[in-house]
């Protein structure tokens, strides 16, 4: 079995709060922090508690029934876990770029969609990233997430290819660029991208 440079797993769960609490169990010596989110105001806060983070992520779910008359279904929390299996260290700019690629490719937040899902990107481990979102959009509609696990892995594969993580001597060159996601073509690393956040927000559990 090949050792993929960026291991990517996507799953759904029922509780945003429980998921965030599980993710907060981090590597010894690594202080977890909020890398970026759908809201610049949230990212800019000096500290963000896990209960508050879960509450703001879940707001579109709580508002769905009054808007539509229908109760929300189960398993509305979306989690994409990405782990770097190479010896090449990725910095916050790299993880920020990869986050944007995954959000766009999967449909969690397509480019230029202000009513998309709420999401956060968390650094819980030195070698990885966790993206947590709720699949009810801010306009109350369901996100279109067909084959989202496939497109998340394709975004990771493209990032791997663009950044040379698959070069001979790194991981054997196992990746090629993948087809575009459902929303639009995936950006190459040389394309302009939004500025990453200027600060990192730690998120204490209490």
N, C-alpha and C. Protein backbone atom coordinates (compact mmCIF):
# COMPACT_ATOMS: atom_id res chain seq x y z
N UNK A 1 0.83 -1.19 0.00
CA UNK A 1 0.00 0.00 0.00
C UNK A 1 0.88 1.26 0.00
N UNK A 2 0.59 2.24 -0.87
CA UNK A 2 1.40 3.46 -0.88
C UNK A 2 1.14 4.31 0.36
N UNK A 3 2.13 5.04 0.77
CA UNK A 3 1.98 5.97 1.87
C UNK A 3 1.69 7.34 1.27
N UNK A 4 0.44 7.78 1.35
CA UNK A 4 0.06 9.02 0.70
C UNK A 4 0.65 10.22 1.44
N UNK A 5 1.20 11.18 0.71
CA UNK A 5 1.80 12.35 1.37
C UNK A 5 0.82 13.09 2.27
N UNK A 6 -0.41 13.30 1.80
CA UNK A 6 -1.45 13.94 2.61
C UNK A 6 -2.60 12.95 2.75
N UNK A 7 -2.74 12.39 3.93
CA UNK A 7 -3.83 11.44 4.19
C UNK A 7 -5.08 12.21 4.54
N UNK A 8 -6.16 11.98 3.83
CA UNK A 8 -7.39 12.76 3.97
C UNK A 8 -8.57 11.84 4.24
N UNK A 9 -9.29 12.12 5.31
CA UNK A 9 -10.49 11.35 5.65
C UNK A 9 -11.65 12.32 5.88
N UNK A 10 -12.81 11.98 5.33
CA UNK A 10 -14.01 12.80 5.48
C UNK A 10 -15.10 11.94 6.09
N UNK A 11 -15.78 12.48 7.09
CA UNK A 11 -16.88 11.75 7.72
C UNK A 11 -17.92 12.73 8.26
N UNK A 12 -19.08 12.22 8.61
CA UNK A 12 -20.13 13.02 9.24
C UNK A 12 -20.35 12.51 10.66
N UNK A 13 -20.82 13.41 11.52
CA UNK A 13 -21.14 13.03 12.89
C UNK A 13 -22.34 13.83 13.36
N UNK A 14 -22.88 13.49 14.52
CA UNK A 14 -24.13 14.07 14.98
C UNK A 14 -23.94 15.29 15.87
N UNK A 15 -22.82 15.42 16.52
CA UNK A 15 -22.64 16.49 17.50
C UNK A 15 -21.38 17.28 17.23
N UNK A 16 -21.55 18.57 16.94
CA UNK A 16 -20.39 19.44 16.76
C UNK A 16 -19.60 19.56 18.05
N UNK A 17 -20.30 19.68 19.17
CA UNK A 17 -19.64 19.81 20.47
C UNK A 17 -18.78 18.60 20.78
N UNK A 18 -19.34 17.39 20.61
CA UNK A 18 -18.58 16.18 20.91
C UNK A 18 -17.37 16.05 19.99
N UNK A 19 -17.54 16.40 18.72
CA UNK A 19 -16.42 16.31 17.79
C UNK A 19 -15.29 17.25 18.20
N UNK A 20 -15.62 18.50 18.50
CA UNK A 20 -14.58 19.46 18.89
C UNK A 20 -13.86 19.01 20.15
N UNK A 21 -14.60 18.44 21.10
CA UNK A 21 -13.96 17.96 22.32
C UNK A 21 -13.01 16.80 22.02
N UNK A 22 -13.40 15.92 21.10
CA UNK A 22 -12.50 14.81 20.73
C UNK A 22 -11.25 15.34 20.05
N UNK A 23 -11.41 16.31 19.17
CA UNK A 23 -10.27 16.84 18.44
C UNK A 23 -9.30 17.60 19.34
N UNK A 24 -9.77 18.07 20.48
CA UNK A 24 -8.93 18.89 21.35
C UNK A 24 -7.88 18.06 22.09
N UNK A 25 -7.95 16.75 21.99
CA UNK A 25 -6.94 15.89 22.60
C UNK A 25 -5.73 15.87 21.66
N UNK A 26 -4.75 16.68 21.97
CA UNK A 26 -3.70 16.98 21.00
C UNK A 26 -2.38 16.31 21.37
N UNK A 27 -1.43 16.48 20.46
CA UNK A 27 -0.07 15.98 20.71
C UNK A 27 0.53 16.66 21.93
N UNK A 28 1.28 15.94 22.73
CA UNK A 28 1.99 16.58 23.86
C UNK A 28 2.93 17.66 23.33
N UNK A 29 2.88 18.80 23.97
CA UNK A 29 3.76 19.90 23.60
C UNK A 29 3.27 20.75 22.45
N UNK A 30 2.10 20.42 21.88
CA UNK A 30 1.55 21.22 20.78
C UNK A 30 0.33 21.96 21.27
N UNK A 31 0.34 23.28 21.17
CA UNK A 31 -0.81 24.08 21.62
C UNK A 31 -1.78 24.24 20.45
N UNK A 32 -2.99 23.72 20.56
CA UNK A 32 -3.95 23.81 19.45
C UNK A 32 -4.43 25.23 19.24
N UNK A 33 -4.80 25.54 18.00
CA UNK A 33 -5.28 26.89 17.71
C UNK A 33 -6.20 26.87 16.50
N UNK A 34 -6.98 27.93 16.41
CA UNK A 34 -7.87 28.14 15.28
C UNK A 34 -7.07 28.83 14.18
N UNK A 35 -6.87 28.13 13.06
CA UNK A 35 -6.08 28.68 11.97
C UNK A 35 -6.87 29.75 11.21
N UNK A 36 -8.09 29.42 10.80
CA UNK A 36 -8.94 30.34 10.06
C UNK A 36 -10.37 29.83 10.11
N UNK A 37 -11.31 30.63 9.64
CA UNK A 37 -12.72 30.24 9.67
C UNK A 37 -13.48 31.02 8.62
N UNK A 38 -14.79 30.73 8.51
CA UNK A 38 -15.64 31.48 7.57
C UNK A 38 -15.77 32.95 7.99
N UNK A 39 -15.50 33.24 9.26
CA UNK A 39 -15.70 34.58 9.81
C UNK A 39 -14.38 35.21 10.22
N UNK A 40 -13.92 36.27 9.57
CA UNK A 40 -12.69 36.94 10.00
C UNK A 40 -12.78 37.43 11.44
N UNK A 41 -13.97 37.85 11.86
CA UNK A 41 -14.13 38.33 13.24
C UNK A 41 -13.87 37.22 14.25
N UNK A 42 -14.35 36.02 13.93
CA UNK A 42 -14.12 34.88 14.83
C UNK A 42 -12.64 34.54 14.89
N UNK A 43 -11.99 34.49 13.73
CA UNK A 43 -10.58 34.14 13.68
C UNK A 43 -9.72 35.15 14.43
N UNK A 44 -10.14 36.42 14.43
CA UNK A 44 -9.33 37.48 15.04
C UNK A 44 -9.43 37.50 16.57
N UNK A 45 -10.39 36.76 17.15
CA UNK A 45 -10.51 36.77 18.60
C UNK A 45 -9.26 36.17 19.25
N UNK A 46 -8.90 36.71 20.41
CA UNK A 46 -7.68 36.24 21.07
C UNK A 46 -7.82 34.81 21.57
N UNK A 47 -8.98 34.45 22.06
CA UNK A 47 -9.25 33.07 22.45
C UNK A 47 -10.67 32.72 22.03
N UNK A 48 -10.88 31.46 21.72
CA UNK A 48 -12.20 30.96 21.34
C UNK A 48 -12.44 29.67 22.12
N UNK A 49 -13.47 29.63 22.95
CA UNK A 49 -13.75 28.41 23.70
C UNK A 49 -14.47 27.41 22.82
N UNK A 50 -14.30 26.13 23.11
CA UNK A 50 -14.93 25.10 22.30
C UNK A 50 -16.46 25.17 22.34
N UNK A 51 -17.09 25.39 23.51
CA UNK A 51 -18.55 25.50 23.50
C UNK A 51 -19.05 26.66 22.65
N UNK A 52 -18.38 27.80 22.69
CA UNK A 52 -18.79 28.93 21.85
C UNK A 52 -18.58 28.61 20.37
N UNK A 53 -17.50 27.93 20.05
CA UNK A 53 -17.23 27.57 18.67
C UNK A 53 -18.32 26.64 18.14
N UNK A 54 -18.70 25.66 18.93
CA UNK A 54 -19.77 24.74 18.52
C UNK A 54 -21.08 25.49 18.34
N UNK A 55 -21.35 26.43 19.23
CA UNK A 55 -22.62 27.17 19.17
C UNK A 55 -22.74 27.99 17.89
N UNK A 56 -21.69 28.70 17.51
CA UNK A 56 -21.78 29.54 16.32
C UNK A 56 -21.79 28.69 15.04
N UNK A 57 -21.11 27.56 15.06
CA UNK A 57 -21.16 26.66 13.90
C UNK A 57 -22.57 26.10 13.70
N UNK A 58 -23.25 25.83 14.81
CA UNK A 58 -24.57 25.19 14.74
C UNK A 58 -25.73 26.16 14.52
N UNK A 59 -25.47 27.46 14.52
CA UNK A 59 -26.57 28.42 14.39
C UNK A 59 -27.43 28.19 13.15
N UNK A 60 -26.88 27.95 11.96
CA UNK A 60 -27.74 27.72 10.80
C UNK A 60 -28.65 26.50 10.96
N UNK A 61 -28.18 25.48 11.69
CA UNK A 61 -29.02 24.31 11.96
C UNK A 61 -30.18 24.70 12.86
N UNK A 62 -29.89 25.48 13.92
CA UNK A 62 -30.94 25.90 14.85
C UNK A 62 -31.99 26.78 14.17
N UNK A 63 -31.57 27.55 13.17
CA UNK A 63 -32.49 28.46 12.48
C UNK A 63 -33.26 27.79 11.35
N UNK A 64 -32.88 26.58 10.99
CA UNK A 64 -33.51 25.95 9.83
C UNK A 64 -34.99 25.66 10.04
N UNK A 65 -35.37 25.12 11.20
CA UNK A 65 -36.78 24.76 11.42
C UNK A 65 -37.70 25.97 11.37
N UNK A 66 -37.39 27.10 12.06
CA UNK A 66 -38.27 28.27 11.93
C UNK A 66 -38.38 28.78 10.49
N UNK A 67 -37.32 28.64 9.70
CA UNK A 67 -37.35 29.12 8.33
C UNK A 67 -38.14 28.20 7.41
N UNK A 68 -37.97 26.88 7.60
CA UNK A 68 -38.52 25.93 6.64
C UNK A 68 -39.69 25.13 7.16
N UNK A 69 -39.85 25.08 8.49
CA UNK A 69 -40.89 24.23 9.08
C UNK A 69 -40.48 22.79 9.22
N UNK A 70 -39.24 22.46 8.86
CA UNK A 70 -38.76 21.08 8.92
C UNK A 70 -37.62 20.97 9.92
N UNK A 71 -37.68 19.93 10.74
CA UNK A 71 -36.59 19.69 11.68
C UNK A 71 -35.36 19.21 10.93
N UNK A 72 -34.20 19.54 11.43
CA UNK A 72 -32.95 19.10 10.81
C UNK A 72 -32.77 17.60 11.01
N UNK A 73 -32.10 16.98 10.08
CA UNK A 73 -31.81 15.56 10.18
C UNK A 73 -30.58 15.34 11.06
N UNK A 74 -30.16 14.08 11.16
CA UNK A 74 -28.99 13.76 11.96
C UNK A 74 -27.72 13.85 11.10
N UNK A 75 -26.58 13.79 11.79
CA UNK A 75 -25.26 13.76 11.13
C UNK A 75 -25.05 14.99 10.25
N UNK A 76 -25.21 16.14 10.86
CA UNK A 76 -25.08 17.40 10.13
C UNK A 76 -23.73 18.07 10.31
N UNK A 77 -22.85 17.46 11.09
CA UNK A 77 -21.50 18.01 11.28
C UNK A 77 -20.52 17.28 10.37
N UNK A 78 -19.79 18.06 9.61
CA UNK A 78 -18.86 17.53 8.58
C UNK A 78 -17.44 17.70 9.08
N UNK A 79 -16.63 16.67 8.93
CA UNK A 79 -15.25 16.70 9.43
C UNK A 79 -14.30 16.17 8.37
N UNK A 80 -13.32 16.98 8.01
CA UNK A 80 -12.25 16.57 7.10
C UNK A 80 -10.94 16.60 7.87
N UNK A 81 -10.33 15.46 8.03
CA UNK A 81 -9.05 15.33 8.74
C UNK A 81 -7.95 15.12 7.71
N UNK A 82 -6.90 15.95 7.78
CA UNK A 82 -5.78 15.85 6.84
C UNK A 82 -4.49 15.72 7.66
N UNK A 83 -3.68 14.72 7.32
CA UNK A 83 -2.42 14.50 8.01
C UNK A 83 -1.28 14.47 7.00
N UNK A 84 -0.22 15.15 7.32
CA UNK A 84 0.98 15.20 6.49
C UNK A 84 1.89 14.05 6.90
N UNK A 85 2.07 13.07 6.01
CA UNK A 85 2.88 11.90 6.34
C UNK A 85 4.32 12.02 5.87
N UNK A 86 4.69 13.17 5.30
CA UNK A 86 6.05 13.37 4.80
C UNK A 86 6.92 14.00 5.88
N UNK A 87 8.20 14.13 5.56
CA UNK A 87 9.13 14.83 6.45
C UNK A 87 9.20 16.32 6.12
N UNK A 88 8.42 16.78 5.14
CA UNK A 88 8.41 18.18 4.75
C UNK A 88 7.41 18.93 5.62
N UNK A 89 7.88 19.92 6.36
CA UNK A 89 6.99 20.65 7.26
C UNK A 89 6.18 21.68 6.48
N UNK A 90 4.88 21.71 6.72
CA UNK A 90 4.00 22.70 6.12
C UNK A 90 3.73 23.80 7.13
N UNK A 91 3.83 25.07 6.69
CA UNK A 91 3.58 26.18 7.61
C UNK A 91 2.11 26.60 7.51
N UNK A 92 1.74 27.63 8.29
CA UNK A 92 0.35 28.06 8.32
C UNK A 92 -0.15 28.54 6.96
N UNK A 93 0.72 29.19 6.19
CA UNK A 93 0.31 29.62 4.85
C UNK A 93 -0.05 28.42 3.98
N UNK A 94 0.72 27.35 4.09
CA UNK A 94 0.44 26.14 3.31
C UNK A 94 -0.90 25.54 3.73
N UNK A 95 -1.12 25.41 5.04
CA UNK A 95 -2.37 24.82 5.53
C UNK A 95 -3.56 25.72 5.17
N UNK A 96 -3.35 27.02 5.20
CA UNK A 96 -4.41 27.94 4.81
C UNK A 96 -4.79 27.74 3.34
N UNK A 97 -3.79 27.64 2.48
CA UNK A 97 -4.05 27.42 1.06
C UNK A 97 -4.79 26.10 0.83
N UNK A 98 -4.35 25.05 1.51
CA UNK A 98 -5.00 23.75 1.36
C UNK A 98 -6.44 23.80 1.85
N UNK A 99 -6.68 24.51 2.96
CA UNK A 99 -8.04 24.65 3.46
C UNK A 99 -8.96 25.25 2.41
N UNK A 100 -8.50 26.34 1.76
CA UNK A 100 -9.33 26.99 0.74
C UNK A 100 -9.60 26.05 -0.43
N UNK A 101 -8.61 25.25 -0.81
CA UNK A 101 -8.80 24.31 -1.91
C UNK A 101 -9.85 23.26 -1.57
N UNK A 102 -9.77 22.71 -0.35
CA UNK A 102 -10.71 21.68 0.07
C UNK A 102 -12.13 22.24 0.18
N UNK A 103 -12.27 23.42 0.76
CA UNK A 103 -13.60 24.02 0.91
C UNK A 103 -14.26 24.27 -0.44
N UNK A 104 -13.49 24.75 -1.39
CA UNK A 104 -14.03 25.03 -2.71
C UNK A 104 -14.36 23.75 -3.46
N UNK A 105 -13.46 22.78 -3.42
CA UNK A 105 -13.64 21.55 -4.18
C UNK A 105 -14.83 20.73 -3.69
N UNK A 106 -15.05 20.71 -2.38
CA UNK A 106 -16.10 19.87 -1.81
C UNK A 106 -17.47 20.51 -1.86
N UNK A 107 -17.54 21.84 -1.94
CA UNK A 107 -18.82 22.53 -1.89
C UNK A 107 -19.18 23.05 -0.51
N UNK A 108 -18.30 22.90 0.48
CA UNK A 108 -18.57 23.49 1.79
C UNK A 108 -18.61 25.00 1.68
N UNK A 109 -17.63 25.59 1.00
CA UNK A 109 -17.66 27.02 0.72
C UNK A 109 -17.09 27.26 -0.68
N UNK A 110 -17.93 27.15 -1.72
CA UNK A 110 -17.46 27.52 -3.05
C UNK A 110 -17.06 28.98 -3.08
N UNK A 111 -16.13 29.31 -3.94
CA UNK A 111 -15.67 30.70 -4.04
C UNK A 111 -16.84 31.64 -4.31
N UNK A 112 -16.77 32.82 -3.69
CA UNK A 112 -17.75 33.90 -3.91
C UNK A 112 -19.16 33.48 -3.55
N UNK A 113 -19.32 32.69 -2.50
CA UNK A 113 -20.66 32.29 -2.04
C UNK A 113 -20.82 32.72 -0.58
N UNK A 114 -21.39 33.90 -0.33
CA UNK A 114 -21.48 34.41 1.03
C UNK A 114 -22.47 33.66 1.92
N UNK A 115 -23.33 32.85 1.32
CA UNK A 115 -24.34 32.12 2.10
C UNK A 115 -23.97 30.66 2.30
N UNK A 116 -22.69 30.32 2.10
CA UNK A 116 -22.25 28.93 2.20
C UNK A 116 -22.22 28.46 3.66
N UNK A 117 -21.72 27.26 3.86
CA UNK A 117 -21.67 26.67 5.21
C UNK A 117 -20.70 27.43 6.11
N UNK A 118 -20.94 27.33 7.39
CA UNK A 118 -19.97 27.81 8.37
C UNK A 118 -18.93 26.72 8.61
N UNK A 119 -17.69 27.13 8.80
CA UNK A 119 -16.61 26.16 8.94
C UNK A 119 -15.48 26.78 9.74
N UNK A 120 -14.65 25.92 10.30
CA UNK A 120 -13.42 26.34 10.98
C UNK A 120 -12.31 25.37 10.60
N UNK A 121 -11.10 25.87 10.54
CA UNK A 121 -9.92 25.04 10.31
C UNK A 121 -9.06 25.08 11.57
N UNK A 122 -8.84 23.93 12.16
CA UNK A 122 -8.17 23.83 13.45
C UNK A 122 -6.85 23.11 13.31
N UNK A 123 -5.83 23.65 13.97
CA UNK A 123 -4.55 22.95 14.07
C UNK A 123 -4.51 22.29 15.44
N UNK A 124 -4.71 20.99 15.46
CA UNK A 124 -4.70 20.23 16.71
C UNK A 124 -3.44 19.40 16.87
N UNK A 125 -2.74 19.19 15.76
CA UNK A 125 -1.51 18.41 15.78
C UNK A 125 -0.48 19.09 14.89
N UNK A 126 0.78 18.85 15.18
CA UNK A 126 1.85 19.50 14.43
C UNK A 126 1.86 19.08 12.96
N UNK A 127 1.36 17.87 12.68
CA UNK A 127 1.43 17.36 11.31
C UNK A 127 0.09 17.37 10.61
N UNK A 128 -0.90 18.10 11.13
CA UNK A 128 -2.21 17.97 10.52
C UNK A 128 -3.13 19.16 10.69
N UNK A 129 -4.31 18.98 10.09
CA UNK A 129 -5.34 20.01 10.05
C UNK A 129 -6.69 19.31 10.15
N UNK A 130 -7.63 19.94 10.84
CA UNK A 130 -8.99 19.44 10.89
C UNK A 130 -9.94 20.56 10.48
N UNK A 131 -10.76 20.29 9.47
CA UNK A 131 -11.78 21.24 9.04
C UNK A 131 -13.12 20.73 9.53
N UNK A 132 -13.84 21.55 10.27
CA UNK A 132 -15.14 21.19 10.82
C UNK A 132 -16.18 22.16 10.28
N UNK A 133 -17.28 21.65 9.78
CA UNK A 133 -18.33 22.49 9.22
C UNK A 133 -19.68 21.88 9.55
N UNK A 134 -20.73 22.67 9.40
CA UNK A 134 -22.08 22.14 9.44
C UNK A 134 -22.66 22.23 8.04
N UNK A 135 -23.43 21.22 7.64
CA UNK A 135 -23.81 21.07 6.24
C UNK A 135 -25.10 21.80 5.87
N UNK A 136 -25.69 22.52 6.83
CA UNK A 136 -26.77 23.44 6.52
C UNK A 136 -26.16 24.81 6.26
N UNK A 137 -26.38 25.33 5.07
CA UNK A 137 -25.80 26.61 4.69
C UNK A 137 -26.40 27.76 5.50
N UNK A 138 -25.78 28.91 5.43
CA UNK A 138 -26.27 30.07 6.18
C UNK A 138 -27.59 30.60 5.64
N UNK A 139 -27.95 30.21 4.40
CA UNK A 139 -29.25 30.58 3.87
C UNK A 139 -30.31 29.53 4.17
N UNK A 140 -29.96 28.52 4.98
CA UNK A 140 -30.92 27.50 5.40
C UNK A 140 -31.02 26.31 4.49
N UNK A 141 -30.35 26.32 3.35
CA UNK A 141 -30.41 25.21 2.42
C UNK A 141 -29.31 24.19 2.73
N UNK A 142 -29.52 22.98 2.22
CA UNK A 142 -28.49 21.95 2.34
C UNK A 142 -27.33 22.28 1.41
N UNK A 143 -26.14 22.01 1.87
CA UNK A 143 -24.98 22.12 0.98
C UNK A 143 -24.99 20.96 -0.02
N UNK A 144 -24.48 21.21 -1.21
CA UNK A 144 -24.38 20.18 -2.23
C UNK A 144 -23.02 19.50 -2.09
N UNK A 145 -23.04 18.34 -1.45
CA UNK A 145 -21.79 17.68 -1.08
C UNK A 145 -21.65 16.30 -1.73
N UNK A 146 -22.08 16.16 -2.96
CA UNK A 146 -21.96 14.87 -3.63
C UNK A 146 -20.49 14.52 -3.85
N UNK A 147 -20.12 13.31 -3.42
CA UNK A 147 -18.75 12.81 -3.60
C UNK A 147 -17.73 13.75 -2.93
N UNK A 148 -18.10 14.32 -1.79
CA UNK A 148 -17.23 15.28 -1.13
C UNK A 148 -15.92 14.66 -0.67
N UNK A 149 -15.95 13.40 -0.22
CA UNK A 149 -14.70 12.76 0.21
C UNK A 149 -13.75 12.62 -0.97
N UNK A 150 -14.28 12.24 -2.13
CA UNK A 150 -13.45 12.11 -3.32
C UNK A 150 -12.82 13.45 -3.70
N UNK A 151 -13.61 14.53 -3.68
CA UNK A 151 -13.08 15.82 -4.09
C UNK A 151 -12.13 16.41 -3.05
N UNK A 152 -12.33 16.10 -1.77
CA UNK A 152 -11.37 16.53 -0.75
C UNK A 152 -10.02 15.86 -0.99
N UNK A 153 -10.04 14.57 -1.30
CA UNK A 153 -8.78 13.86 -1.57
C UNK A 153 -8.14 14.37 -2.86
N UNK A 154 -8.97 14.72 -3.85
CA UNK A 154 -8.42 15.28 -5.09
C UNK A 154 -7.73 16.61 -4.82
N UNK A 155 -8.32 17.45 -3.95
CA UNK A 155 -7.68 18.72 -3.59
C UNK A 155 -6.35 18.48 -2.90
N UNK A 156 -6.30 17.48 -2.02
CA UNK A 156 -5.04 17.14 -1.35
C UNK A 156 -4.02 16.61 -2.36
N UNK A 157 -4.48 15.81 -3.32
CA UNK A 157 -3.58 15.29 -4.34
C UNK A 157 -3.01 16.42 -5.19
N UNK A 158 -3.85 17.37 -5.56
CA UNK A 158 -3.37 18.50 -6.37
C UNK A 158 -2.39 19.36 -5.59
N UNK A 159 -2.66 19.59 -4.32
CA UNK A 159 -1.75 20.35 -3.48
C UNK A 159 -0.41 19.61 -3.38
N UNK A 160 -0.47 18.31 -3.19
CA UNK A 160 0.74 17.50 -3.13
C UNK A 160 1.57 17.63 -4.40
N UNK A 161 0.90 17.56 -5.54
CA UNK A 161 1.57 17.67 -6.83
C UNK A 161 2.17 19.06 -7.02
N UNK A 162 1.38 20.11 -6.72
CA UNK A 162 1.84 21.48 -6.94
C UNK A 162 3.01 21.86 -6.04
N UNK A 163 3.05 21.29 -4.84
CA UNK A 163 4.08 21.68 -3.87
C UNK A 163 5.24 20.68 -3.81
N UNK A 164 5.25 19.71 -4.69
CA UNK A 164 6.38 18.81 -4.76
C UNK A 164 6.50 17.82 -3.62
N UNK A 165 5.40 17.58 -2.91
CA UNK A 165 5.46 16.60 -1.81
C UNK A 165 5.56 15.18 -2.32
N UNK A 166 5.30 14.98 -3.63
CA UNK A 166 5.40 13.65 -4.22
C UNK A 166 6.69 13.47 -5.01
N UNK A 167 7.63 14.40 -4.86
CA UNK A 167 8.87 14.32 -5.64
C UNK A 167 9.67 13.08 -5.25
N UNK A 168 10.43 12.51 -6.19
CA UNK A 168 11.31 11.40 -5.83
C UNK A 168 12.22 11.79 -4.67
N UNK A 169 12.32 10.90 -3.71
CA UNK A 169 13.11 11.21 -2.52
C UNK A 169 12.26 11.78 -1.40
N UNK A 170 11.01 12.21 -1.73
CA UNK A 170 10.08 12.65 -0.69
C UNK A 170 9.11 11.52 -0.39
N UNK A 171 8.32 11.13 -1.40
CA UNK A 171 7.38 10.03 -1.20
C UNK A 171 7.18 9.18 -2.45
N UNK A 172 8.14 9.20 -3.36
CA UNK A 172 8.06 8.29 -4.48
C UNK A 172 7.28 8.77 -5.68
N UNK A 173 6.74 9.99 -5.65
CA UNK A 173 6.07 10.53 -6.82
C UNK A 173 4.79 9.81 -7.20
N UNK A 174 3.90 9.51 -6.24
CA UNK A 174 2.74 8.68 -6.54
C UNK A 174 1.56 9.47 -7.06
N UNK A 175 1.57 10.80 -6.96
CA UNK A 175 0.41 11.59 -7.34
C UNK A 175 0.59 12.27 -8.69
N UNK A 176 -0.54 12.41 -9.39
CA UNK A 176 -0.66 13.31 -10.53
C UNK A 176 -1.84 14.24 -10.22
N UNK A 177 -1.94 15.36 -10.96
CA UNK A 177 -3.08 16.24 -10.74
C UNK A 177 -4.37 15.52 -11.07
N UNK A 178 -5.41 15.78 -10.26
CA UNK A 178 -6.70 15.12 -10.41
C UNK A 178 -7.68 16.03 -11.16
N UNK A 179 -8.79 15.45 -11.68
CA UNK A 179 -9.80 16.29 -12.33
C UNK A 179 -10.36 17.32 -11.37
N UNK A 180 -10.91 18.39 -11.93
CA UNK A 180 -11.45 19.48 -11.12
C UNK A 180 -12.64 19.01 -10.30
N UNK A 181 -12.89 19.71 -9.20
CA UNK A 181 -14.04 19.42 -8.36
C UNK A 181 -15.34 19.87 -9.00
N UNK A 182 -16.47 19.74 -8.29
CA UNK A 182 -17.77 20.04 -8.88
C UNK A 182 -18.03 21.51 -9.06
N UNK A 183 -17.25 22.38 -8.43
CA UNK A 183 -17.57 23.80 -8.45
C UNK A 183 -16.79 24.57 -9.51
N UNK A 184 -15.50 24.26 -9.63
CA UNK A 184 -14.68 24.91 -10.64
C UNK A 184 -13.32 24.26 -10.61
N UNK A 185 -12.42 24.67 -11.47
CA UNK A 185 -11.08 24.11 -11.48
C UNK A 185 -10.34 24.44 -10.20
N UNK A 186 -9.56 23.50 -9.72
CA UNK A 186 -8.78 23.73 -8.51
C UNK A 186 -7.63 24.67 -8.82
N UNK A 187 -7.34 25.57 -7.89
CA UNK A 187 -6.27 26.53 -8.08
C UNK A 187 -4.91 25.84 -7.99
N UNK A 188 -3.98 26.32 -8.78
CA UNK A 188 -2.60 25.91 -8.63
C UNK A 188 -1.93 26.79 -7.58
N UNK A 189 -0.81 26.32 -7.07
CA UNK A 189 -0.16 27.06 -5.99
C UNK A 189 0.34 28.42 -6.46
N UNK A 190 0.55 28.60 -7.77
CA UNK A 190 1.06 29.87 -8.27
C UNK A 190 -0.04 30.91 -8.46
N UNK A 191 -1.32 30.51 -8.30
CA UNK A 191 -2.43 31.43 -8.50
C UNK A 191 -2.58 32.36 -7.31
N UNK A 192 -3.14 33.55 -7.51
CA UNK A 192 -3.38 34.44 -6.37
C UNK A 192 -4.32 33.78 -5.37
N UNK A 193 -4.12 34.01 -4.10
CA UNK A 193 -5.00 33.46 -3.09
C UNK A 193 -5.24 34.50 -2.02
N UNK A 194 -6.32 34.34 -1.24
CA UNK A 194 -6.59 35.32 -0.18
C UNK A 194 -5.46 35.36 0.83
N UNK A 195 -5.29 36.51 1.45
CA UNK A 195 -4.28 36.61 2.49
C UNK A 195 -4.66 35.74 3.67
N UNK A 196 -3.71 35.00 4.27
CA UNK A 196 -4.02 34.20 5.45
C UNK A 196 -4.25 35.11 6.65
N UNK A 197 -4.90 34.57 7.67
CA UNK A 197 -5.16 35.39 8.85
C UNK A 197 -3.87 35.86 9.50
N UNK A 198 -3.93 37.02 10.14
CA UNK A 198 -2.73 37.59 10.72
C UNK A 198 -2.46 37.11 12.13
N UNK A 199 -3.38 36.39 12.73
CA UNK A 199 -3.18 35.93 14.09
C UNK A 199 -3.74 34.53 14.25
N UNK A 200 -3.24 33.82 15.25
CA UNK A 200 -3.71 32.49 15.55
C UNK A 200 -4.49 32.56 16.85
N UNK A 201 -5.67 31.96 16.86
CA UNK A 201 -6.52 32.01 18.04
C UNK A 201 -6.51 30.68 18.76
N UNK A 202 -5.94 30.61 19.96
CA UNK A 202 -6.03 29.38 20.73
C UNK A 202 -7.48 29.15 21.15
N UNK A 203 -7.85 27.89 21.31
CA UNK A 203 -9.23 27.65 21.71
C UNK A 203 -9.26 26.73 22.92
N UNK A 204 -9.26 27.32 24.13
CA UNK A 204 -9.35 26.52 25.33
C UNK A 204 -10.68 25.79 25.40
N UNK A 205 -10.69 24.62 26.01
CA UNK A 205 -11.89 23.81 26.04
C UNK A 205 -12.93 24.36 27.03
N UNK A 206 -12.51 25.19 27.92
CA UNK A 206 -13.46 25.76 28.90
C UNK A 206 -13.36 27.28 28.86
